[in-house]
């Protein structure tokens, strides 16, 4: 029998108030409190906290406080990653971020897919869609990455862009919803 946690990995409907998931979120919130309260130049301790929180991560990772996520273990980050102040990754589903990714302040990444049926909100039934971000991606301030999106390699995402659909490699995108505004050589 599938657990509620397993259902999130397969983009199946799951019960978000499941006690195991609640305990996982509580654990992550405790770890995030410690991370966000650790002095900004205590790199060793901050890296150790991130290793406790994330599913996997490369070397040379730095996230400014305050950082927020749901579970953490669904986040997989490659080498040379930086996220500026106020990054939020709602990771009920998988979030995979490649190497050399940089995020401006206030970036939001969502994996929970809103259900249209009001009954789903009342019963705490949810669905996730994974987000994948390629290598060498720059995400501008206050950009929003919606559930189910895949972003190719070598992409620049303008400030306050809302990414609602897959993005090909080697482009600059901007707007709400995001549109390709330039191809990169």
N, C-alpha and C. Protein backbone atom coordinates (compact mmCIF):
# COMPACT_ATOMS: atom_id res chain seq x y z
N UNK A 1 0.84 -1.19 0.00
CA UNK A 1 0.00 0.00 0.00
C UNK A 1 0.88 1.25 0.00
N UNK A 2 0.57 2.20 -0.86
CA UNK A 2 1.34 3.43 -0.95
C UNK A 2 1.08 4.33 0.25
N UNK A 3 2.15 4.95 0.72
CA UNK A 3 2.00 5.95 1.78
C UNK A 3 1.60 7.27 1.13
N UNK A 4 1.13 8.20 1.94
CA UNK A 4 0.79 9.52 1.42
C UNK A 4 2.05 10.19 0.86
N UNK A 5 3.18 9.98 1.51
CA UNK A 5 4.45 10.53 1.03
C UNK A 5 4.78 9.97 -0.35
N UNK A 6 4.61 8.67 -0.57
CA UNK A 6 4.88 8.06 -1.87
C UNK A 6 3.97 8.63 -2.95
N UNK A 7 2.73 8.93 -2.59
CA UNK A 7 1.80 9.49 -3.56
C UNK A 7 2.28 10.85 -4.07
N UNK A 8 2.93 11.64 -3.19
CA UNK A 8 3.41 12.95 -3.63
C UNK A 8 4.47 12.81 -4.72
N UNK A 9 5.28 11.75 -4.66
CA UNK A 9 6.34 11.55 -5.65
C UNK A 9 5.78 11.24 -7.03
N UNK A 10 4.57 10.69 -7.08
CA UNK A 10 3.96 10.26 -8.35
C UNK A 10 2.85 11.19 -8.83
N UNK A 11 2.78 12.38 -8.25
CA UNK A 11 1.75 13.36 -8.61
C UNK A 11 0.34 12.80 -8.45
N UNK A 12 0.17 11.96 -7.44
CA UNK A 12 -1.16 11.41 -7.14
C UNK A 12 -1.81 12.26 -6.05
N UNK A 13 -3.12 12.18 -5.97
CA UNK A 13 -3.81 12.86 -4.88
C UNK A 13 -3.33 12.27 -3.55
N UNK A 14 -3.07 13.15 -2.59
CA UNK A 14 -2.60 12.69 -1.28
C UNK A 14 -3.25 13.52 -0.18
N UNK A 15 -3.26 12.98 1.01
CA UNK A 15 -3.86 13.61 2.19
C UNK A 15 -2.77 14.37 2.94
N UNK A 16 -2.79 15.70 2.83
CA UNK A 16 -1.71 16.51 3.40
C UNK A 16 -1.70 16.54 4.93
N UNK A 17 -2.81 16.17 5.56
CA UNK A 17 -2.86 16.14 7.03
C UNK A 17 -2.44 14.78 7.60
N UNK A 18 -1.91 13.90 6.74
CA UNK A 18 -1.38 12.62 7.20
C UNK A 18 -0.36 12.87 8.31
N UNK A 19 -0.44 12.12 9.40
CA UNK A 19 0.41 12.38 10.57
C UNK A 19 1.90 12.27 10.26
N UNK A 20 2.29 11.37 9.38
CA UNK A 20 3.70 11.25 9.01
C UNK A 20 4.16 12.52 8.29
N UNK A 21 3.34 13.03 7.37
CA UNK A 21 3.68 14.26 6.67
C UNK A 21 3.69 15.46 7.62
N UNK A 22 2.76 15.50 8.55
CA UNK A 22 2.73 16.58 9.54
C UNK A 22 4.02 16.57 10.35
N UNK A 23 4.45 15.39 10.81
CA UNK A 23 5.69 15.28 11.59
C UNK A 23 6.91 15.66 10.76
N UNK A 24 6.91 15.29 9.48
CA UNK A 24 8.01 15.68 8.60
C UNK A 24 8.09 17.20 8.45
N UNK A 25 6.93 17.85 8.28
CA UNK A 25 6.91 19.32 8.17
C UNK A 25 7.37 19.97 9.47
N UNK A 26 6.95 19.41 10.61
CA UNK A 26 7.37 19.96 11.90
C UNK A 26 8.88 19.84 12.07
N UNK A 27 9.44 18.70 11.70
CA UNK A 27 10.90 18.50 11.77
C UNK A 27 11.62 19.55 10.93
N UNK A 28 11.13 19.75 9.71
CA UNK A 28 11.77 20.71 8.81
C UNK A 28 11.66 22.12 9.37
N UNK A 29 10.53 22.47 9.95
CA UNK A 29 10.38 23.81 10.53
C UNK A 29 11.37 24.04 11.67
N UNK A 30 11.60 23.02 12.48
CA UNK A 30 12.60 23.14 13.55
C UNK A 30 13.99 23.36 12.96
N UNK A 31 14.34 22.58 11.93
CA UNK A 31 15.64 22.73 11.29
C UNK A 31 15.78 24.10 10.63
N UNK A 32 14.71 24.58 9.99
CA UNK A 32 14.76 25.89 9.35
C UNK A 32 14.93 27.01 10.37
N UNK A 33 14.29 26.88 11.53
CA UNK A 33 14.49 27.88 12.60
C UNK A 33 15.96 27.95 12.97
N UNK A 34 16.58 26.80 13.14
CA UNK A 34 18.01 26.77 13.47
C UNK A 34 18.84 27.36 12.34
N UNK A 35 18.54 26.97 11.12
CA UNK A 35 19.28 27.50 9.97
C UNK A 35 19.15 29.02 9.89
N UNK A 36 17.92 29.50 9.92
CA UNK A 36 17.68 30.93 9.76
C UNK A 36 18.24 31.76 10.92
N UNK A 37 18.40 31.14 12.11
CA UNK A 37 18.95 31.84 13.27
C UNK A 37 20.46 31.75 13.38
N UNK A 38 21.08 30.91 12.55
CA UNK A 38 22.54 30.77 12.59
C UNK A 38 23.17 31.99 11.93
N UNK A 39 24.25 32.49 12.54
CA UNK A 39 24.93 33.67 12.02
C UNK A 39 25.28 33.50 10.54
N UNK A 40 25.08 34.54 9.78
CA UNK A 40 25.22 34.48 8.33
C UNK A 40 26.61 34.09 7.85
N UNK A 41 27.64 34.32 8.67
CA UNK A 41 28.98 33.96 8.23
C UNK A 41 29.50 32.68 8.89
N UNK A 42 28.61 31.98 9.58
CA UNK A 42 28.96 30.66 10.12
C UNK A 42 28.67 29.63 9.03
N UNK A 43 29.49 29.67 7.97
CA UNK A 43 29.25 28.86 6.77
C UNK A 43 29.21 27.36 7.05
N UNK A 44 30.08 26.92 7.92
CA UNK A 44 30.15 25.48 8.21
C UNK A 44 28.86 24.98 8.84
N UNK A 45 28.37 25.70 9.83
CA UNK A 45 27.13 25.29 10.51
C UNK A 45 25.94 25.41 9.56
N UNK A 46 25.88 26.49 8.79
CA UNK A 46 24.76 26.68 7.86
C UNK A 46 24.73 25.56 6.82
N UNK A 47 25.90 25.18 6.32
CA UNK A 47 25.98 24.07 5.36
C UNK A 47 25.52 22.77 6.01
N UNK A 48 25.91 22.55 7.26
CA UNK A 48 25.48 21.34 7.97
C UNK A 48 23.96 21.30 8.11
N UNK A 49 23.35 22.45 8.41
CA UNK A 49 21.88 22.48 8.52
C UNK A 49 21.24 22.13 7.18
N UNK A 50 21.77 22.70 6.09
CA UNK A 50 21.20 22.40 4.77
C UNK A 50 21.33 20.93 4.42
N UNK A 51 22.44 20.31 4.81
CA UNK A 51 22.59 18.87 4.57
C UNK A 51 21.53 18.07 5.32
N UNK A 52 21.13 18.55 6.49
CA UNK A 52 20.05 17.90 7.26
C UNK A 52 18.69 18.10 6.59
N UNK A 53 18.52 19.24 5.95
CA UNK A 53 17.22 19.60 5.38
C UNK A 53 17.03 19.01 3.98
N UNK A 54 18.01 19.18 3.09
CA UNK A 54 17.85 18.81 1.68
C UNK A 54 17.98 17.31 1.45
N UNK A 55 17.33 16.85 0.38
CA UNK A 55 17.47 15.46 -0.05
C UNK A 55 18.87 15.18 -0.54
N UNK A 56 19.43 16.12 -1.30
CA UNK A 56 20.82 16.03 -1.75
C UNK A 56 21.27 17.41 -2.19
N UNK A 57 22.60 17.62 -2.12
CA UNK A 57 23.13 18.91 -2.54
C UNK A 57 24.59 18.78 -2.91
N UNK A 58 25.01 19.62 -3.84
CA UNK A 58 26.40 19.67 -4.25
C UNK A 58 27.21 20.54 -3.30
N UNK A 59 28.43 20.83 -3.70
CA UNK A 59 29.30 21.70 -2.92
C UNK A 59 29.01 23.15 -3.27
N UNK A 60 29.47 24.03 -2.42
CA UNK A 60 29.35 25.47 -2.62
C UNK A 60 27.89 25.89 -2.74
N UNK A 61 27.18 25.69 -1.65
CA UNK A 61 25.75 26.05 -1.57
C UNK A 61 25.62 27.15 -0.53
N UNK A 62 24.87 28.20 -0.85
CA UNK A 62 24.59 29.22 0.15
C UNK A 62 23.19 29.77 -0.09
N UNK A 63 22.41 29.84 0.97
CA UNK A 63 21.07 30.39 0.93
C UNK A 63 20.98 31.44 2.03
N UNK A 64 20.62 32.65 1.64
CA UNK A 64 20.45 33.73 2.62
C UNK A 64 19.20 33.45 3.46
N UNK A 65 19.21 33.95 4.66
CA UNK A 65 18.02 33.85 5.51
C UNK A 65 17.06 34.96 5.09
N UNK A 66 15.84 34.79 5.26
CA UNK A 66 15.16 33.61 5.73
C UNK A 66 14.77 32.74 4.55
N UNK A 67 14.99 31.45 4.73
CA UNK A 67 14.66 30.45 3.73
C UNK A 67 13.54 29.59 4.28
N UNK A 68 12.59 29.21 3.41
CA UNK A 68 11.46 28.38 3.83
C UNK A 68 11.22 27.25 2.85
N UNK A 69 10.81 26.11 3.36
CA UNK A 69 10.38 24.99 2.53
C UNK A 69 9.43 24.13 3.37
N UNK A 70 8.75 23.19 2.71
CA UNK A 70 7.81 22.30 3.41
C UNK A 70 8.53 21.12 4.07
N UNK A 71 9.25 20.36 3.28
CA UNK A 71 9.87 19.12 3.74
C UNK A 71 11.38 19.13 3.63
N UNK A 72 11.90 19.74 2.60
CA UNK A 72 13.34 19.79 2.38
C UNK A 72 13.89 18.56 1.71
N UNK A 73 13.46 17.39 2.14
CA UNK A 73 14.02 16.15 1.57
C UNK A 73 13.62 15.94 0.12
N UNK A 74 12.68 16.72 -0.38
CA UNK A 74 12.29 16.65 -1.79
C UNK A 74 13.09 17.62 -2.66
N UNK A 75 14.02 18.35 -2.05
CA UNK A 75 14.82 19.33 -2.78
C UNK A 75 16.20 18.74 -3.05
N UNK A 76 16.61 18.80 -4.32
CA UNK A 76 17.91 18.28 -4.75
C UNK A 76 18.60 19.39 -5.55
N UNK A 77 19.74 19.85 -5.03
CA UNK A 77 20.42 21.02 -5.57
C UNK A 77 21.82 20.64 -6.02
N UNK A 78 22.23 21.10 -7.20
CA UNK A 78 23.56 20.82 -7.72
C UNK A 78 24.63 21.76 -7.18
N UNK A 79 25.82 21.62 -7.74
CA UNK A 79 26.98 22.44 -7.35
C UNK A 79 26.73 23.92 -7.58
N UNK A 80 27.38 24.74 -6.75
CA UNK A 80 27.43 26.19 -6.95
C UNK A 80 26.03 26.80 -7.03
N UNK A 81 25.29 26.69 -5.94
CA UNK A 81 23.91 27.20 -5.85
C UNK A 81 23.87 28.36 -4.88
N UNK A 82 23.14 29.41 -5.26
CA UNK A 82 22.95 30.55 -4.37
C UNK A 82 21.51 31.01 -4.48
N UNK A 83 20.88 31.24 -3.31
CA UNK A 83 19.54 31.83 -3.26
C UNK A 83 19.59 33.04 -2.33
N UNK A 84 19.11 34.15 -2.82
CA UNK A 84 19.12 35.38 -2.05
C UNK A 84 18.00 35.36 -1.00
N UNK A 85 17.85 36.45 -0.27
CA UNK A 85 16.91 36.55 0.85
C UNK A 85 15.48 36.19 0.46
N UNK A 86 14.80 35.49 1.36
CA UNK A 86 13.37 35.24 1.21
C UNK A 86 12.97 34.18 0.20
N UNK A 87 13.84 33.24 -0.08
CA UNK A 87 13.51 32.16 -1.02
C UNK A 87 12.53 31.18 -0.34
N UNK A 88 11.51 30.79 -1.07
CA UNK A 88 10.54 29.82 -0.58
C UNK A 88 10.37 28.72 -1.61
N UNK A 89 10.59 27.47 -1.18
CA UNK A 89 10.39 26.31 -2.06
C UNK A 89 9.37 25.40 -1.37
N UNK A 90 8.15 25.37 -1.90
CA UNK A 90 7.12 24.50 -1.34
C UNK A 90 7.24 23.15 -2.04
N UNK A 91 7.91 22.24 -1.35
CA UNK A 91 8.39 20.99 -1.94
C UNK A 91 7.61 19.75 -1.50
N UNK A 92 6.30 19.81 -1.57
CA UNK A 92 5.55 18.56 -1.33
C UNK A 92 5.89 17.57 -2.44
N UNK A 93 6.19 18.08 -3.62
CA UNK A 93 6.69 17.28 -4.74
C UNK A 93 8.18 17.50 -4.90
N UNK A 94 8.78 16.80 -5.84
CA UNK A 94 10.23 16.88 -6.06
C UNK A 94 10.62 18.20 -6.74
N UNK A 95 11.72 18.78 -6.25
CA UNK A 95 12.32 19.96 -6.87
C UNK A 95 13.78 19.62 -7.14
N UNK A 96 14.17 19.63 -8.41
CA UNK A 96 15.54 19.34 -8.79
C UNK A 96 16.12 20.58 -9.46
N UNK A 97 17.25 21.04 -8.92
CA UNK A 97 17.90 22.25 -9.41
C UNK A 97 19.33 21.88 -9.81
N UNK A 98 19.71 22.21 -11.02
CA UNK A 98 21.02 21.86 -11.55
C UNK A 98 22.15 22.68 -10.95
N UNK A 99 23.32 22.56 -11.55
CA UNK A 99 24.50 23.28 -11.06
C UNK A 99 24.50 24.72 -11.58
N UNK A 100 25.22 25.57 -10.86
CA UNK A 100 25.40 26.97 -11.23
C UNK A 100 24.07 27.72 -11.35
N UNK A 101 23.19 27.50 -10.39
CA UNK A 101 21.90 28.19 -10.37
C UNK A 101 21.96 29.30 -9.33
N UNK A 102 21.48 30.47 -9.72
CA UNK A 102 21.45 31.62 -8.83
C UNK A 102 20.02 32.17 -8.82
N UNK A 103 19.56 32.55 -7.61
CA UNK A 103 18.21 33.09 -7.47
C UNK A 103 18.26 34.44 -6.78
N UNK A 104 17.53 35.39 -7.32
CA UNK A 104 17.41 36.70 -6.69
C UNK A 104 16.53 36.61 -5.46
N UNK A 105 16.33 37.73 -4.76
CA UNK A 105 15.51 37.72 -3.55
C UNK A 105 14.04 37.43 -3.85
N UNK A 106 13.40 36.74 -2.91
CA UNK A 106 11.97 36.53 -2.97
C UNK A 106 11.48 35.58 -4.04
N UNK A 107 12.32 34.65 -4.46
CA UNK A 107 11.90 33.66 -5.48
C UNK A 107 11.02 32.61 -4.81
N UNK A 108 9.93 32.22 -5.50
CA UNK A 108 9.01 31.19 -5.02
C UNK A 108 8.96 30.04 -6.02
N UNK A 109 9.11 28.83 -5.50
CA UNK A 109 8.96 27.63 -6.32
C UNK A 109 7.88 26.78 -5.67
N UNK A 110 6.86 26.43 -6.45
CA UNK A 110 5.72 25.68 -5.93
C UNK A 110 5.60 24.33 -6.63
N UNK A 111 5.32 23.28 -5.86
CA UNK A 111 5.01 21.98 -6.46
C UNK A 111 3.57 21.57 -6.21
N UNK A 112 2.90 22.20 -5.25
CA UNK A 112 1.50 21.85 -5.00
C UNK A 112 0.62 22.43 -6.09
N UNK A 113 -0.19 21.59 -6.67
CA UNK A 113 -1.08 21.98 -7.75
C UNK A 113 -2.47 22.17 -7.15
N UNK A 114 -2.99 23.37 -7.23
CA UNK A 114 -4.29 23.66 -6.63
C UNK A 114 -5.40 22.85 -7.30
N UNK A 115 -6.27 22.30 -6.46
CA UNK A 115 -7.43 21.58 -6.97
C UNK A 115 -8.57 22.57 -7.15
N UNK A 116 -9.28 22.44 -8.23
CA UNK A 116 -10.39 23.35 -8.51
C UNK A 116 -11.59 23.02 -7.63
N UNK A 117 -11.77 21.76 -7.32
CA UNK A 117 -12.90 21.30 -6.53
C UNK A 117 -12.75 21.81 -5.07
N UNK A 118 -13.69 22.63 -4.57
CA UNK A 118 -13.61 23.14 -3.20
C UNK A 118 -13.55 22.04 -2.15
N UNK A 119 -14.13 20.88 -2.45
CA UNK A 119 -14.10 19.77 -1.50
C UNK A 119 -12.67 19.33 -1.19
N UNK A 120 -11.79 19.43 -2.18
CA UNK A 120 -10.38 19.09 -1.97
C UNK A 120 -9.74 19.97 -0.91
N UNK A 121 -10.11 21.24 -0.88
CA UNK A 121 -9.55 22.15 0.12
C UNK A 121 -10.07 21.81 1.52
N UNK A 122 -11.31 21.45 1.59
CA UNK A 122 -11.91 21.13 2.89
C UNK A 122 -11.34 19.82 3.44
N UNK A 123 -11.14 18.85 2.57
CA UNK A 123 -10.67 17.52 3.02
C UNK A 123 -9.15 17.41 3.06
N UNK A 124 -8.43 18.48 2.69
CA UNK A 124 -6.97 18.52 2.68
C UNK A 124 -6.36 17.49 1.72
N UNK A 125 -7.05 17.29 0.62
CA UNK A 125 -6.54 16.45 -0.46
C UNK A 125 -5.77 17.36 -1.42
N UNK A 126 -4.55 16.99 -1.75
CA UNK A 126 -3.70 17.80 -2.61
C UNK A 126 -3.08 16.95 -3.70
N UNK A 127 -2.43 17.63 -4.65
CA UNK A 127 -1.70 16.96 -5.72
C UNK A 127 -0.44 17.77 -6.00
N UNK A 128 0.65 17.08 -6.31
CA UNK A 128 1.89 17.77 -6.61
C UNK A 128 2.32 17.52 -8.05
N UNK A 129 3.14 18.42 -8.56
CA UNK A 129 3.81 18.25 -9.85
C UNK A 129 5.24 18.72 -9.65
N UNK A 130 6.18 17.87 -10.02
CA UNK A 130 7.60 18.17 -9.82
C UNK A 130 8.05 19.38 -10.63
N UNK A 131 9.09 20.04 -10.12
CA UNK A 131 9.73 21.15 -10.82
C UNK A 131 11.18 20.78 -11.06
N UNK A 132 11.65 21.00 -12.29
CA UNK A 132 13.04 20.73 -12.64
C UNK A 132 13.65 21.99 -13.25
N UNK A 133 14.80 22.39 -12.71
CA UNK A 133 15.52 23.56 -13.18
C UNK A 133 16.90 23.09 -13.63
N UNK A 134 17.27 23.42 -14.85
CA UNK A 134 18.52 22.96 -15.43
C UNK A 134 19.76 23.64 -14.88
N UNK A 135 20.88 23.45 -15.56
CA UNK A 135 22.17 24.05 -15.20
C UNK A 135 22.26 25.48 -15.72
N UNK A 136 23.05 26.28 -15.00
CA UNK A 136 23.37 27.65 -15.45
C UNK A 136 22.12 28.51 -15.62
N UNK A 137 21.26 28.50 -14.60
CA UNK A 137 20.01 29.25 -14.66
C UNK A 137 20.06 30.40 -13.66
N UNK A 138 19.70 31.58 -14.11
CA UNK A 138 19.57 32.74 -13.24
C UNK A 138 18.09 33.07 -13.14
N UNK A 139 17.58 33.16 -11.91
CA UNK A 139 16.17 33.46 -11.66
C UNK A 139 16.11 34.81 -10.95
N UNK A 140 15.49 35.79 -11.59
CA UNK A 140 15.41 37.15 -11.05
C UNK A 140 14.49 37.27 -9.86
N UNK A 141 14.60 38.40 -9.19
CA UNK A 141 13.86 38.64 -7.95
C UNK A 141 12.35 38.49 -8.14
N UNK A 142 11.75 37.92 -7.13
CA UNK A 142 10.30 37.73 -7.04
C UNK A 142 9.70 36.92 -8.18
N UNK A 143 10.51 36.13 -8.85
CA UNK A 143 9.97 35.24 -9.88
C UNK A 143 9.21 34.11 -9.20
N UNK A 144 8.23 33.58 -9.89
CA UNK A 144 7.42 32.47 -9.39
C UNK A 144 7.50 31.34 -10.39
N UNK A 145 7.86 30.15 -9.89
CA UNK A 145 7.92 28.94 -10.71
C UNK A 145 6.74 28.07 -10.29
N UNK A 146 5.83 27.81 -11.19
CA UNK A 146 4.61 27.06 -10.88
C UNK A 146 4.83 25.55 -10.97
N UNK A 147 3.90 24.76 -10.41
CA UNK A 147 4.02 23.29 -10.41
C UNK A 147 4.13 22.70 -11.81
N UNK A 148 4.96 21.66 -11.92
CA UNK A 148 5.06 20.90 -13.15
C UNK A 148 5.98 21.48 -14.21
N UNK A 149 6.66 22.57 -13.91
CA UNK A 149 7.48 23.26 -14.89
C UNK A 149 8.88 22.64 -14.97
N UNK A 150 9.40 22.53 -16.19
CA UNK A 150 10.79 22.16 -16.43
C UNK A 150 11.46 23.33 -17.14
N UNK A 151 12.58 23.78 -16.58
CA UNK A 151 13.34 24.89 -17.14
C UNK A 151 14.65 24.33 -17.68
N UNK A 152 14.94 24.61 -18.95
CA UNK A 152 16.15 24.09 -19.59
C UNK A 152 17.42 24.74 -19.07
N UNK A 153 18.55 24.31 -19.61
CA UNK A 153 19.86 24.86 -19.25
C UNK A 153 20.03 26.26 -19.85
N UNK A 154 20.90 27.05 -19.19
CA UNK A 154 21.31 28.36 -19.71
C UNK A 154 20.12 29.29 -19.94
N UNK A 155 19.30 29.43 -18.90
CA UNK A 155 18.10 30.27 -18.99
C UNK A 155 18.24 31.44 -18.03
N UNK A 156 17.77 32.60 -18.45
CA UNK A 156 17.67 33.78 -17.60
C UNK A 156 16.18 34.09 -17.46
N UNK A 157 15.73 34.19 -16.21
CA UNK A 157 14.32 34.48 -15.93
C UNK A 157 14.25 35.87 -15.32
N UNK A 158 13.54 36.77 -15.97
CA UNK A 158 13.45 38.15 -15.52
C UNK A 158 12.74 38.29 -14.18
N UNK A 159 13.00 39.42 -13.52
CA UNK A 159 12.36 39.73 -12.25
C UNK A 159 10.85 39.72 -12.39
N UNK A 160 10.18 39.20 -11.38
CA UNK A 160 8.72 39.16 -11.27
C UNK A 160 8.05 38.36 -12.38
N UNK A 161 8.79 37.48 -13.01
CA UNK A 161 8.24 36.60 -14.04
C UNK A 161 7.46 35.47 -13.39
N UNK A 162 6.36 35.07 -14.00
CA UNK A 162 5.58 33.93 -13.54
C UNK A 162 5.71 32.83 -14.59
N UNK A 163 6.41 31.76 -14.21
CA UNK A 163 6.69 30.66 -15.14
C UNK A 163 5.60 29.60 -14.98
N UNK A 164 4.75 29.49 -15.98
CA UNK A 164 3.60 28.58 -15.92
C UNK A 164 3.73 27.37 -16.83
N UNK A 165 4.74 27.39 -17.71
CA UNK A 165 4.93 26.31 -18.68
C UNK A 165 6.42 26.03 -18.85
N UNK A 166 6.75 24.89 -19.45
CA UNK A 166 8.14 24.51 -19.67
C UNK A 166 8.88 25.59 -20.46
N UNK A 167 10.18 25.70 -20.16
CA UNK A 167 11.04 26.70 -20.79
C UNK A 167 12.18 25.98 -21.51
N UNK A 168 12.39 26.26 -22.81
CA UNK A 168 13.49 25.61 -23.52
C UNK A 168 14.84 26.14 -23.04
N UNK A 169 15.89 25.46 -23.41
CA UNK A 169 17.25 25.89 -23.07
C UNK A 169 17.63 27.14 -23.86
N UNK A 170 18.60 27.87 -23.30
CA UNK A 170 19.25 28.99 -24.01
C UNK A 170 18.32 30.13 -24.38
N UNK A 171 17.51 30.57 -23.42
CA UNK A 171 16.60 31.69 -23.67
C UNK A 171 16.57 32.63 -22.46
N UNK A 172 16.08 33.83 -22.72
CA UNK A 172 15.72 34.79 -21.68
C UNK A 172 14.20 34.87 -21.71
N UNK A 173 13.57 34.75 -20.54
CA UNK A 173 12.11 34.84 -20.46
C UNK A 173 11.73 35.93 -19.47
N UNK A 174 10.55 36.49 -19.65
CA UNK A 174 10.02 37.50 -18.74
C UNK A 174 8.53 37.59 -18.94
N UNK A 175 7.87 38.19 -17.95
CA UNK A 175 6.44 38.48 -18.05
C UNK A 175 5.56 37.56 -17.23
N UNK A 176 4.25 37.85 -17.31
CA UNK A 176 3.24 37.07 -16.60
C UNK A 176 2.07 36.84 -17.55
N UNK A 177 1.98 35.64 -18.14
CA UNK A 177 2.88 34.49 -17.98
C UNK A 177 4.17 34.73 -18.77
N UNK A 178 5.19 33.94 -18.41
CA UNK A 178 6.51 34.06 -19.02
C UNK A 178 6.45 33.83 -20.52
N UNK A 179 7.22 34.63 -21.25
CA UNK A 179 7.38 34.45 -22.69
C UNK A 179 8.84 34.59 -23.04
N UNK A 180 9.28 33.88 -24.06
CA UNK A 180 10.65 34.01 -24.53
C UNK A 180 10.80 35.40 -25.14
N UNK A 181 11.80 36.15 -24.64
CA UNK A 181 12.04 37.49 -25.19
C UNK A 181 13.35 37.56 -25.96
N UNK A 182 14.21 36.53 -25.78
CA UNK A 182 15.48 36.51 -26.48
C UNK A 182 16.04 35.10 -26.48
N UNK A 183 16.65 34.72 -27.57
CA UNK A 183 17.37 33.44 -27.64
C UNK A 183 18.84 33.72 -27.40
N UNK A 184 19.50 32.84 -26.64
CA UNK A 184 20.91 33.01 -26.33
C UNK A 184 21.75 32.11 -27.23
N UNK A 185 22.89 32.60 -27.66
CA UNK A 185 23.80 31.83 -28.52
C UNK A 185 24.71 30.98 -27.65
